[in-house]
């Protein structure tokens, strides 16, 4: 989304304080499915801490394509495997509710 749209959405959800970095379409030359946004987020985060693994949670094939292009693992949210596989995407995990993230084993080795 745009910077203003993302800021409004984060504020409305009470999450504006929780984001380490926010990358919007205003920050990158090419929007998804290009990986520019994921690459920019990783660049910003790498300057603050050691990154062992990256995950993209998304509800569309374009999120999966952006993750793949940046070397990040894709967690498909409320998306059927058939749609993703038809586009050559294999999600690392598939979830139907964000609370499922709490039960995932996030490992740097790609497990």
PDB file of N, CA and C in Angstrom:
ATOM      1  N   UNK A   1       0.842  -1.170   0.000  1.00  0.00           N
ATOM      2  CA  UNK A   1       0.000   0.000   0.000  1.00  0.00           C
ATOM      3  C   UNK A   1       0.895   1.244   0.000  1.00  0.00           C
ATOM      4  N   UNK A   2       0.273   2.391  -0.029  1.00  0.00           N
ATOM      5  CA  UNK A   2       1.018   3.648   0.067  1.00  0.00           C
ATOM      6  C   UNK A   2       1.467   3.860   1.512  1.00  0.00           C
ATOM      7  N   UNK A   3       2.422   4.747   1.721  1.00  0.00           N
ATOM      8  CA  UNK A   3       2.890   5.055   3.074  1.00  0.00           C
ATOM      9  C   UNK A   3       1.733   5.561   3.929  1.00  0.00           C
ATOM     10  N   UNK A   4       0.914   6.462   3.394  1.00  0.00           N
ATOM     11  CA  UNK A   4      -0.200   7.000   4.190  1.00  0.00           C
ATOM     12  C   UNK A   4      -1.227   5.909   4.490  1.00  0.00           C
ATOM     13  N   UNK A   5      -1.526   5.057   3.529  1.00  0.00           N
ATOM     14  CA  UNK A   5      -2.483   3.974   3.750  1.00  0.00           C
ATOM     15  C   UNK A   5      -1.986   2.974   4.780  1.00  0.00           C
ATOM     16  N   UNK A   6      -0.714   2.617   4.693  1.00  0.00           N
ATOM     17  CA  UNK A   6      -0.137   1.684   5.660  1.00  0.00           C
ATOM     18  C   UNK A   6      -0.113   2.294   7.058  1.00  0.00           C
ATOM     19  N   UNK A   7       0.234   3.564   7.155  1.00  0.00           N
ATOM     20  CA  UNK A   7       0.260   4.235   8.460  1.00  0.00           C
ATOM     21  C   UNK A   7      -1.120   4.269   9.090  1.00  0.00           C
ATOM     22  N   UNK A   8      -2.132   4.564   8.290  1.00  0.00           N
ATOM     23  CA  UNK A   8      -3.511   4.577   8.805  1.00  0.00           C
ATOM     24  C   UNK A   8      -3.943   3.194   9.268  1.00  0.00           C
ATOM     25  N   UNK A   9      -3.630   2.164   8.478  1.00  0.00           N
ATOM     26  CA  UNK A   9      -4.023   0.794   8.837  1.00  0.00           C
ATOM     27  C   UNK A   9      -3.327   0.334  10.113  1.00  0.00           C
ATOM     28  N   UNK A  10      -2.042   0.613  10.240  1.00  0.00           N
ATOM     29  CA  UNK A  10      -1.318   0.231  11.454  1.00  0.00           C
ATOM     30  C   UNK A  10      -1.860   0.957  12.679  1.00  0.00           C
ATOM     31  N   UNK A  11      -2.156   2.235  12.530  1.00  0.00           N
ATOM     32  CA  UNK A  11      -2.713   3.006  13.646  1.00  0.00           C
ATOM     33  C   UNK A  11      -4.084   2.477  14.036  1.00  0.00           C
ATOM     34  N   UNK A  12      -4.931   2.182  13.051  1.00  0.00           N
ATOM     35  CA  UNK A  12      -6.281   1.677  13.333  1.00  0.00           C
ATOM     36  C   UNK A  12      -6.234   0.336  14.064  1.00  0.00           C
ATOM     37  N   UNK A  13      -5.212  -0.478  13.754  1.00  0.00           N
ATOM     38  CA  UNK A  13      -5.081  -1.782  14.409  1.00  0.00           C
ATOM     39  C   UNK A  13      -4.308  -1.695  15.724  1.00  0.00           C
ATOM     40  N   UNK A  14      -3.836  -0.501  16.078  1.00  0.00           N
ATOM     41  CA  UNK A  14      -3.067  -0.339  17.303  1.00  0.00           C
ATOM     42  C   UNK A  14      -1.668  -0.930  17.204  1.00  0.00           C
ATOM     43  N   UNK A  15      -1.137  -1.011  15.983  1.00  0.00           N
ATOM     44  CA  UNK A  15       0.157  -1.653  15.771  1.00  0.00           C
ATOM     45  C   UNK A  15       1.253  -0.715  15.290  1.00  0.00           C
ATOM     46  N   UNK A  16       0.977   0.558  15.215  1.00  0.00           N
ATOM     47  CA  UNK A  16       1.970   1.500  14.689  1.00  0.00           C
ATOM     48  C   UNK A  16       3.284   1.437  15.463  1.00  0.00           C
ATOM     49  N   UNK A  17       3.217   1.201  16.746  1.00  0.00           N
ATOM     50  CA  UNK A  17       4.414   1.145  17.591  1.00  0.00           C
ATOM     51  C   UNK A  17       5.172  -0.179  17.466  1.00  0.00           C
ATOM     52  N   UNK A  18       4.531  -1.188  16.896  1.00  0.00           N
ATOM     53  CA  UNK A  18       5.092  -2.536  16.893  1.00  0.00           C
ATOM     54  C   UNK A  18       5.970  -2.856  15.683  1.00  0.00           C
ATOM     55  N   UNK A  19       5.924  -2.065  14.656  1.00  0.00           N
ATOM     56  CA  UNK A  19       6.677  -2.358  13.439  1.00  0.00           C
ATOM     57  C   UNK A  19       8.102  -1.829  13.528  1.00  0.00           C
ATOM     58  N   UNK A  20       9.076  -2.707  13.314  1.00  0.00           N
ATOM     59  CA  UNK A  20      10.469  -2.266  13.287  1.00  0.00           C
ATOM     60  C   UNK A  20      10.742  -1.418  12.060  1.00  0.00           C
ATOM     61  N   UNK A  21      10.166  -1.819  10.959  1.00  0.00           N
ATOM     62  CA  UNK A  21      10.297  -1.060   9.727  1.00  0.00           C
ATOM     63  C   UNK A  21       9.049  -1.288   8.885  1.00  0.00           C
ATOM     64  N   UNK A  22       8.693  -0.304   8.120  1.00  0.00           N
ATOM     65  CA  UNK A  22       7.545  -0.412   7.223  1.00  0.00           C
ATOM     66  C   UNK A  22       8.036  -0.017   5.832  1.00  0.00           C
ATOM     67  N   UNK A  23       7.821  -0.914   4.880  1.00  0.00           N
ATOM     68  CA  UNK A  23       8.190  -0.648   3.501  1.00  0.00           C
ATOM     69  C   UNK A  23       6.902  -0.601   2.694  1.00  0.00           C
ATOM     70  N   UNK A  24       6.717   0.464   1.958  1.00  0.00           N
ATOM     71  CA  UNK A  24       5.507   0.622   1.154  1.00  0.00           C
ATOM     72  C   UNK A  24       5.872   0.742  -0.316  1.00  0.00           C
ATOM     73  N   UNK A  25       4.862   0.793  -1.151  1.00  0.00           N
ATOM     74  CA  UNK A  25       5.116   0.947  -2.587  1.00  0.00           C
ATOM     75  C   UNK A  25       5.818   2.264  -2.896  1.00  0.00           C
ATOM     76  N   UNK A  26       5.735   3.215  -1.971  1.00  0.00           N
ATOM     77  CA  UNK A  26       6.426   4.494  -2.158  1.00  0.00           C
ATOM     78  C   UNK A  26       7.949   4.361  -2.007  1.00  0.00           C
ATOM     79  N   UNK A  27       8.403   3.232  -1.426  1.00  0.00           N
ATOM     80  CA  UNK A  27       9.818   3.047  -1.123  1.00  0.00           C
ATOM     81  C   UNK A  27      10.578   2.220  -2.152  1.00  0.00           C
ATOM     82  N   UNK A  28       9.875   1.654  -3.119  1.00  0.00           N
ATOM     83  CA  UNK A  28      10.525   0.734  -4.062  1.00  0.00           C
ATOM     84  C   UNK A  28      10.177   1.078  -5.503  1.00  0.00           C
ATOM     85  N   UNK A  29      11.071   0.734  -6.427  1.00  0.00           N
ATOM     86  CA  UNK A  29      10.800   1.054  -7.831  1.00  0.00           C
ATOM     87  C   UNK A  29       9.729   0.167  -8.473  1.00  0.00           C
ATOM     88  N   UNK A  30       9.627  -1.085  -8.023  1.00  0.00           N
ATOM     89  CA  UNK A  30       8.701  -2.030  -8.642  1.00  0.00           C
ATOM     90  C   UNK A  30       7.885  -2.740  -7.573  1.00  0.00           C
ATOM     91  N   UNK A  31       6.575  -2.773  -7.770  1.00  0.00           N
ATOM     92  CA  UNK A  31       5.686  -3.423  -6.809  1.00  0.00           C
ATOM     93  C   UNK A  31       5.655  -4.937  -7.028  1.00  0.00           C
ATOM     94  N   UNK A  32       5.084  -5.657  -6.057  1.00  0.00           N
ATOM     95  CA  UNK A  32       4.919  -7.094  -6.184  1.00  0.00           C
ATOM     96  C   UNK A  32       4.159  -7.408  -7.474  1.00  0.00           C
ATOM     97  N   UNK A  33       4.499  -8.490  -8.110  1.00  0.00           N
ATOM     98  CA  UNK A  33       5.244  -9.645  -7.625  1.00  0.00           C
ATOM     99  C   UNK A  33       6.757  -9.503  -7.641  1.00  0.00           C
ATOM    100  N   UNK A  34       7.291  -8.374  -8.060  1.00  0.00           N
ATOM    101  CA  UNK A  34       8.740  -8.162  -7.941  1.00  0.00           C
ATOM    102  C   UNK A  34       9.121  -8.215  -6.460  1.00  0.00           C
ATOM    103  N   UNK A  35      10.346  -8.588  -6.189  1.00  0.00           N
ATOM    104  CA  UNK A  35      10.787  -8.765  -4.802  1.00  0.00           C
ATOM    105  C   UNK A  35      11.362  -7.494  -4.179  1.00  0.00           C
ATOM    106  N   UNK A  36      11.253  -6.360  -4.850  1.00  0.00           N
ATOM    107  CA  UNK A  36      11.873  -5.119  -4.368  1.00  0.00           C
ATOM    108  C   UNK A  36      11.489  -4.767  -2.935  1.00  0.00           C
ATOM    109  N   UNK A  37      10.217  -4.917  -2.582  1.00  0.00           N
ATOM    110  CA  UNK A  37       9.765  -4.563  -1.234  1.00  0.00           C
ATOM    111  C   UNK A  37      10.359  -5.463  -0.172  1.00  0.00           C
ATOM    112  N   UNK A  38      10.418  -6.759  -0.443  1.00  0.00           N
ATOM    113  CA  UNK A  38      11.011  -7.704   0.515  1.00  0.00           C
ATOM    114  C   UNK A  38      12.500  -7.435   0.649  1.00  0.00           C
ATOM    115  N   UNK A  39      13.164  -7.229  -0.460  1.00  0.00           N
ATOM    116  CA  UNK A  39      14.600  -6.939  -0.437  1.00  0.00           C
ATOM    117  C   UNK A  39      14.878  -5.661   0.364  1.00  0.00           C
ATOM    118  N   UNK A  40      14.055  -4.649   0.176  1.00  0.00           N
ATOM    119  CA  UNK A  40      14.248  -3.392   0.921  1.00  0.00           C
ATOM    120  C   UNK A  40      14.013  -3.599   2.417  1.00  0.00           C
ATOM    121  N   UNK A  41      12.999  -4.371   2.787  1.00  0.00           N
ATOM    122  CA  UNK A  41      12.755  -4.646   4.207  1.00  0.00           C
ATOM    123  C   UNK A  41      13.943  -5.390   4.812  1.00  0.00           C
ATOM    124  N   UNK A  42      14.463  -6.372   4.096  1.00  0.00           N
ATOM    125  CA  UNK A  42      15.621  -7.127   4.590  1.00  0.00           C
ATOM    126  C   UNK A  42      16.849  -6.229   4.710  1.00  0.00           C
ATOM    127  N   UNK A  43      17.043  -5.340   3.753  1.00  0.00           N
ATOM    128  CA  UNK A  43      18.166  -4.410   3.808  1.00  0.00           C
ATOM    129  C   UNK A  43      18.083  -3.538   5.060  1.00  0.00           C
ATOM    130  N   UNK A  44      16.899  -3.021   5.332  1.00  0.00           N
ATOM    131  CA  UNK A  44      16.719  -2.158   6.502  1.00  0.00           C
ATOM    132  C   UNK A  44      16.922  -2.926   7.803  1.00  0.00           C
ATOM    133  N   UNK A  45      16.390  -4.122   7.874  1.00  0.00           N
ATOM    134  CA  UNK A  45      16.505  -4.917   9.096  1.00  0.00           C
ATOM    135  C   UNK A  45      17.928  -5.418   9.323  1.00  0.00           C
ATOM    136  N   UNK A  46      18.628  -5.746   8.248  1.00  0.00           N
ATOM    137  CA  UNK A  46      20.001  -6.251   8.373  1.00  0.00           C
ATOM    138  C   UNK A  46      20.921  -5.205   8.997  1.00  0.00           C
ATOM    139  N   UNK A  47      20.608  -3.946   8.839  1.00  0.00           N
ATOM    140  CA  UNK A  47      21.408  -2.893   9.444  1.00  0.00           C
ATOM    141  C   UNK A  47      21.232  -2.800  10.946  1.00  0.00           C
ATOM    142  N   UNK A  48      20.221  -3.472  11.480  1.00  0.00           N
ATOM    143  CA  UNK A  48      19.922  -3.397  12.918  1.00  0.00           C
ATOM    144  C   UNK A  48      20.259  -4.673  13.672  1.00  0.00           C
ATOM    145  N   UNK A  49      20.281  -5.797  12.957  1.00  0.00           N
ATOM    146  CA  UNK A  49      20.465  -7.084  13.624  1.00  0.00           C
ATOM    147  C   UNK A  49      20.928  -8.124  12.619  1.00  0.00           C
ATOM    148  N   UNK A  50      21.433  -9.240  13.137  1.00  0.00           N
ATOM    149  CA  UNK A  50      21.809 -10.347  12.263  1.00  0.00           C
ATOM    150  C   UNK A  50      20.538 -11.060  11.813  1.00  0.00           C
ATOM    151  N   UNK A  51      20.396 -11.238  10.526  1.00  0.00           N
ATOM    152  CA  UNK A  51      19.236 -11.948   9.989  1.00  0.00           C
ATOM    153  C   UNK A  51      19.629 -13.381   9.660  1.00  0.00           C
ATOM    154  N   UNK A  52      18.913 -14.335  10.249  1.00  0.00           N
ATOM    155  CA  UNK A  52      19.192 -15.745   9.980  1.00  0.00           C
ATOM    156  C   UNK A  52      18.219 -16.322   8.970  1.00  0.00           C
ATOM    157  N   UNK A  53      17.014 -15.792   8.935  1.00  0.00           N
ATOM    158  CA  UNK A  53      15.994 -16.288   8.018  1.00  0.00           C
ATOM    159  C   UNK A  53      14.950 -15.199   7.833  1.00  0.00           C
ATOM    160  N   UNK A  54      14.278 -15.246   6.706  1.00  0.00           N
ATOM    161  CA  UNK A  54      13.229 -14.266   6.428  1.00  0.00           C
ATOM    162  C   UNK A  54      11.965 -15.005   6.009  1.00  0.00           C
ATOM    163  N   UNK A  55      10.843 -14.486   6.460  1.00  0.00           N
ATOM    164  CA  UNK A  55       9.546 -15.074   6.162  1.00  0.00           C
ATOM    165  C   UNK A  55       8.625 -13.973   5.653  1.00  0.00           C
ATOM    166  N   UNK A  56       7.846 -14.295   4.649  1.00  0.00           N
ATOM    167  CA  UNK A  56       6.822 -13.387   4.136  1.00  0.00           C
ATOM    168  C   UNK A  56       5.486 -14.073   4.334  1.00  0.00           C
ATOM    169  N   UNK A  57       4.582 -13.397   5.021  1.00  0.00           N
ATOM    170  CA  UNK A  57       3.221 -13.908   5.217  1.00  0.00           C
ATOM    171  C   UNK A  57       2.342 -13.146   4.245  1.00  0.00           C
ATOM    172  N   UNK A  58       1.629 -13.872   3.402  1.00  0.00           N
ATOM    173  CA  UNK A  58       0.818 -13.187   2.412  1.00  0.00           C
ATOM    174  C   UNK A  58      -0.402 -13.973   2.005  1.00  0.00           C
ATOM    175  N   UNK A  59      -1.375 -13.238   1.474  1.00  0.00           N
ATOM    176  CA  UNK A  59      -2.636 -13.859   1.078  1.00  0.00           C
ATOM    177  C   UNK A  59      -2.816 -13.923  -0.431  1.00  0.00           C
ATOM    178  N   UNK A  60      -1.731 -13.783  -1.167  1.00  0.00           N
ATOM    179  CA  UNK A  60      -1.827 -13.786  -2.619  1.00  0.00           C
ATOM    180  C   UNK A  60      -0.587 -14.420  -3.225  1.00  0.00           C
ATOM    181  N   UNK A  61      -0.729 -14.925  -4.431  1.00  0.00           N
ATOM    182  CA  UNK A  61       0.417 -15.502  -5.136  1.00  0.00           C
ATOM    183  C   UNK A  61       1.515 -14.466  -5.340  1.00  0.00           C
ATOM    184  N   UNK A  62       1.128 -13.184  -5.466  1.00  0.00           N
ATOM    185  CA  UNK A  62       2.163 -12.173  -5.687  1.00  0.00           C
ATOM    186  C   UNK A  62       3.063 -12.029  -4.466  1.00  0.00           C
ATOM    187  N   UNK A  63       2.527 -12.290  -3.282  1.00  0.00           N
ATOM    188  CA  UNK A  63       3.348 -12.275  -2.068  1.00  0.00           C
ATOM    189  C   UNK A  63       4.353 -13.423  -2.105  1.00  0.00           C
ATOM    190  N   UNK A  64       3.894 -14.587  -2.557  1.00  0.00           N
ATOM    191  CA  UNK A  64       4.781 -15.741  -2.684  1.00  0.00           C
ATOM    192  C   UNK A  64       5.874 -15.513  -3.706  1.00  0.00           C
ATOM    193  N   UNK A  65       5.517 -14.890  -4.818  1.00  0.00           N
ATOM    194  CA  UNK A  65       6.515 -14.599  -5.846  1.00  0.00           C
ATOM    195  C   UNK A  65       7.549 -13.605  -5.331  1.00  0.00           C
ATOM    196  N   UNK A  66       7.108 -12.602  -4.592  1.00  0.00           N
ATOM    197  CA  UNK A  66       8.034 -11.624  -4.027  1.00  0.00           C
ATOM    198  C   UNK A  66       8.961 -12.283  -3.008  1.00  0.00           C
ATOM    199  N   UNK A  67       8.416 -13.164  -2.189  1.00  0.00           N
ATOM    200  CA  UNK A  67       9.231 -13.879  -1.206  1.00  0.00           C
ATOM    201  C   UNK A  67      10.287 -14.725  -1.904  1.00  0.00           C
ATOM    202  N   UNK A  68       9.855 -15.490  -2.902  1.00  0.00           N
ATOM    203  CA  UNK A  68      10.776 -16.368  -3.627  1.00  0.00           C
ATOM    204  C   UNK A  68      11.911 -15.552  -4.260  1.00  0.00           C
ATOM    205  N   UNK A  69      11.567 -14.428  -4.869  1.00  0.00           N
ATOM    206  CA  UNK A  69      12.574 -13.598  -5.517  1.00  0.00           C
ATOM    207  C   UNK A  69      13.602 -13.037  -4.560  1.00  0.00           C
ATOM    208  N   UNK A  70      13.225 -12.894  -3.295  1.00  0.00           N
ATOM    209  CA  UNK A  70      14.133 -12.343  -2.290  1.00  0.00           C
ATOM    210  C   UNK A  70      14.812 -13.424  -1.458  1.00  0.00           C
ATOM    211  N   UNK A  71      14.476 -14.689  -1.727  1.00  0.00           N
ATOM    212  CA  UNK A  71      15.060 -15.779  -0.951  1.00  0.00           C
ATOM    213  C   UNK A  71      14.429 -15.964   0.406  1.00  0.00           C
ATOM    214  N   UNK A  72      13.218 -15.454   0.603  1.00  0.00           N
ATOM    215  CA  UNK A  72      12.510 -15.586   1.880  1.00  0.00           C
ATOM    216  C   UNK A  72      11.529 -16.759   1.810  1.00  0.00           C
ATOM    217  N   UNK A  73      11.189 -17.288   2.945  1.00  0.00           N
ATOM    218  CA  UNK A  73      10.204 -18.365   3.016  1.00  0.00           C
ATOM    219  C   UNK A  73       8.813 -17.735   2.999  1.00  0.00           C
ATOM    220  N   UNK A  74       7.904 -18.381   2.282  1.00  0.00           N
ATOM    221  CA  UNK A  74       6.544 -17.857   2.126  1.00  0.00           C
ATOM    222  C   UNK A  74       5.569 -18.639   2.979  1.00  0.00           C
ATOM    223  N   UNK A  75       4.818 -17.923   3.794  1.00  0.00           N
ATOM    224  CA  UNK A  75       3.731 -18.498   4.581  1.00  0.00           C
ATOM    225  C   UNK A  75       2.439 -18.010   3.951  1.00  0.00           C
ATOM    226  N   UNK A  76       1.705 -18.936   3.355  1.00  0.00           N
ATOM    227  CA  UNK A  76       0.461 -18.591   2.667  1.00  0.00           C
ATOM    228  C   UNK A  76      -0.668 -18.482   3.692  1.00  0.00           C
ATOM    229  N   UNK A  77      -1.369 -17.376   3.640  1.00  0.00           N
ATOM    230  CA  UNK A  77      -2.460 -17.094   4.573  1.00  0.00           C
ATOM    231  C   UNK A  77      -3.785 -17.163   3.825  1.00  0.00           C
ATOM    232  N   UNK A  78      -4.606 -18.136   4.222  1.00  0.00           N
ATOM    233  CA  UNK A  78      -5.948 -18.307   3.631  1.00  0.00           C
ATOM    234  C   UNK A  78      -5.908 -18.409   2.102  1.00  0.00           C
ATOM    235  N   UNK A  79      -4.996 -19.203   1.605  1.00  0.00           N
ATOM    236  CA  UNK A  79      -4.854 -19.380   0.161  1.00  0.00           C
ATOM    237  C   UNK A  79      -4.741 -20.865  -0.119  1.00  0.00           C
ATOM    238  N   UNK A  80      -5.424 -21.339  -1.135  1.00  0.00           N
ATOM    239  CA  UNK A  80      -5.392 -22.748  -1.496  1.00  0.00           C
ATOM    240  C   UNK A  80      -4.091 -23.128  -2.181  1.00  0.00           C
ATOM    241  N   UNK A  81      -3.658 -24.346  -1.930  1.00  0.00           N
ATOM    242  CA  UNK A  81      -2.416 -24.831  -2.510  1.00  0.00           C
ATOM    243  C   UNK A  81      -2.494 -24.900  -4.030  1.00  0.00           C
ATOM    244  N   UNK A  82      -3.650 -25.222  -4.569  1.00  0.00           N
ATOM    245  CA  UNK A  82      -3.790 -25.378  -6.017  1.00  0.00           C
ATOM    246  C   UNK A  82      -3.426 -24.089  -6.759  1.00  0.00           C
ATOM    247  N   UNK A  83      -3.940 -22.978  -6.280  1.00  0.00           N
ATOM    248  CA  UNK A  83      -3.662 -21.684  -6.917  1.00  0.00           C
ATOM    249  C   UNK A  83      -2.174 -21.377  -6.904  1.00  0.00           C
ATOM    250  N   UNK A  84      -1.535 -21.648  -5.788  1.00  0.00           N
ATOM    251  CA  UNK A  84      -0.112 -21.347  -5.646  1.00  0.00           C
ATOM    252  C   UNK A  84       0.740 -22.296  -6.483  1.00  0.00           C
ATOM    253  N   UNK A  85       0.421 -23.586  -6.426  1.00  0.00           N
ATOM    254  CA  UNK A  85       1.179 -24.567  -7.189  1.00  0.00           C
ATOM    255  C   UNK A  85       1.047 -24.322  -8.681  1.00  0.00           C
ATOM    256  N   UNK A  86      -0.117 -23.872  -9.125  1.00  0.00           N
ATOM    257  CA  UNK A  86      -0.321 -23.573 -10.541  1.00  0.00           C
ATOM    258  C   UNK A  86       0.608 -22.457 -11.009  1.00  0.00           C
ATOM    259  N   UNK A  87       1.061 -21.636 -10.092  1.00  0.00           N
ATOM    260  CA  UNK A  87       1.980 -20.543 -10.429  1.00  0.00           C
ATOM    261  C   UNK A  87       3.422 -20.886 -10.076  1.00  0.00           C
ATOM    262  N   UNK A  88       3.664 -22.143  -9.764  1.00  0.00           N
ATOM    263  CA  UNK A  88       5.019 -22.590  -9.462  1.00  0.00           C
ATOM    264  C   UNK A  88       5.500 -22.222  -8.074  1.00  0.00           C
ATOM    265  N   UNK A  89       4.587 -21.920  -7.171  1.00  0.00           N
ATOM    266  CA  UNK A  89       4.948 -21.513  -5.808  1.00  0.00           C
ATOM    267  C   UNK A  89       4.667 -22.638  -4.823  1.00  0.00           C
ATOM    268  N   UNK A  90       5.632 -22.889  -3.964  1.00  0.00           N
ATOM    269  CA  UNK A  90       5.475 -23.887  -2.912  1.00  0.00           C
ATOM    270  C   UNK A  90       5.660 -23.180  -1.571  1.00  0.00           C
ATOM    271  N   UNK A  91       4.567 -22.904  -0.876  1.00  0.00           N
ATOM    272  CA  UNK A  91       4.691 -22.215   0.417  1.00  0.00           C
ATOM    273  C   UNK A  91       5.483 -23.046   1.422  1.00  0.00           C
ATOM    274  N   UNK A  92       6.195 -22.363   2.293  1.00  0.00           N
ATOM    275  CA  UNK A  92       6.902 -23.026   3.383  1.00  0.00           C
ATOM    276  C   UNK A  92       5.877 -23.613   4.351  1.00  0.00           C
ATOM    277  N   UNK A  93       4.837 -22.856   4.635  1.00  0.00           N
ATOM    278  CA  UNK A  93       3.708 -23.308   5.465  1.00  0.00           C
ATOM    279  C   UNK A  93       2.444 -22.621   4.962  1.00  0.00           C
ATOM    280  N   UNK A  94       1.294 -23.196   5.329  1.00  0.00           N
ATOM    281  CA  UNK A  94      -0.002 -22.604   4.990  1.00  0.00           C
ATOM    282  C   UNK A  94      -0.800 -22.463   6.284  1.00  0.00           C
ATOM    283  N   UNK A  95      -1.398 -21.294   6.485  1.00  0.00           N
ATOM    284  CA  UNK A  95      -2.188 -21.051   7.690  1.00  0.00           C
ATOM    285  C   UNK A  95      -3.525 -20.437   7.300  1.00  0.00           C
ATOM    286  N   UNK A  96      -4.514 -20.618   8.175  1.00  0.00           N
ATOM    287  CA  UNK A  96      -5.832 -20.022   7.959  1.00  0.00           C
ATOM    288  C   UNK A  96      -6.157 -18.942   8.972  1.00  0.00           C
ATOM    289  N   UNK A  97      -5.363 -18.866  10.030  1.00  0.00           N
ATOM    290  CA  UNK A  97      -5.570 -17.858  11.061  1.00  0.00           C
ATOM    291  C   UNK A  97      -4.193 -17.398  11.536  1.00  0.00           C
ATOM    292  N   UNK A  98      -4.031 -16.116  11.758  1.00  0.00           N
ATOM    293  CA  UNK A  98      -2.727 -15.589  12.155  1.00  0.00           C
ATOM    294  C   UNK A  98      -2.226 -16.177  13.470  1.00  0.00           C
ATOM    295  N   UNK A  99      -3.130 -16.623  14.345  1.00  0.00           N
ATOM    296  CA  UNK A  99      -2.719 -17.237  15.604  1.00  0.00           C
ATOM    297  C   UNK A  99      -1.905 -18.508  15.368  1.00  0.00           C
ATOM    298  N   UNK A 100      -2.067 -19.127  14.208  1.00  0.00           N
ATOM    299  CA  UNK A 100      -1.292 -20.331  13.877  1.00  0.00           C
ATOM    300  C   UNK A 100       0.201 -20.036  13.793  1.00  0.00           C
ATOM    301  N   UNK A 101       0.567 -18.798  13.580  1.00  0.00           N
ATOM    302  CA  UNK A 101       1.982 -18.434  13.533  1.00  0.00           C
ATOM    303  C   UNK A 101       2.681 -18.779  14.849  1.00  0.00           C
ATOM    304  N   UNK A 102       1.938 -18.680  15.947  1.00  0.00           N
ATOM    305  CA  UNK A 102       2.516 -18.940  17.259  1.00  0.00           C
ATOM    306  C   UNK A 102       2.947 -20.385  17.427  1.00  0.00           C
ATOM    307  N   UNK A 103       2.374 -21.297  16.661  1.00  0.00           N
ATOM    308  CA  UNK A 103       2.716 -22.714  16.764  1.00  0.00           C
ATOM    309  C   UNK A 103       3.757 -23.181  15.760  1.00  0.00           C
ATOM    310  N   UNK A 104       4.218 -22.306  14.905  1.00  0.00           N
ATOM    311  CA  UNK A 104       5.203 -22.704  13.898  1.00  0.00           C
ATOM    312  C   UNK A 104       6.607 -22.719  14.476  1.00  0.00           C
ATOM    313  N   UNK A 105       7.392 -23.651  14.013  1.00  0.00           N
ATOM    314  CA  UNK A 105       8.795 -23.760  14.408  1.00  0.00           C
ATOM    315  C   UNK A 105       9.625 -23.002  13.388  1.00  0.00           C
ATOM    316  N   UNK A 106      10.035 -21.799  13.744  1.00  0.00           N
ATOM    317  CA  UNK A 106      10.831 -20.973  12.836  1.00  0.00           C
ATOM    318  C   UNK A 106      12.306 -21.325  13.061  1.00  0.00           C
ATOM    319  N   UNK A 107      12.922 -21.832  12.005  1.00  0.00           N
ATOM    320  CA  UNK A 107      14.329 -22.253  12.105  1.00  0.00           C
ATOM    321  C   UNK A 107      15.124 -21.633  10.977  1.00  0.00           C
ATOM    322  N   UNK A 108      16.364 -21.322  11.253  1.00  0.00           N
ATOM    323  CA  UNK A 108      17.225 -20.711  10.256  1.00  0.00           C
ATOM    324  C   UNK A 108      17.668 -21.691   9.181  1.00  0.00           C
ATOM    325  N   UNK A 109      17.481 -22.993   9.413  1.00  0.00           N
ATOM    326  CA  UNK A 109      17.962 -23.970   8.445  1.00  0.00           C
ATOM    327  C   UNK A 109      16.936 -24.317   7.365  1.00  0.00           C
ATOM    328  N   UNK A 110      15.777 -23.679   7.393  1.00  0.00           N
ATOM    329  CA  UNK A 110      14.769 -23.923   6.366  1.00  0.00           C
ATOM    330  C   UNK A 110      13.858 -25.085   6.673  1.00  0.00           C
ATOM    331  N   UNK A 111      13.956 -25.640   7.863  1.00  0.00           N
ATOM    332  CA  UNK A 111      13.116 -26.785   8.230  1.00  0.00           C
ATOM    333  C   UNK A 111      11.652 -26.451   8.236  1.00  0.00           C
TER     334      UNK A 111
END
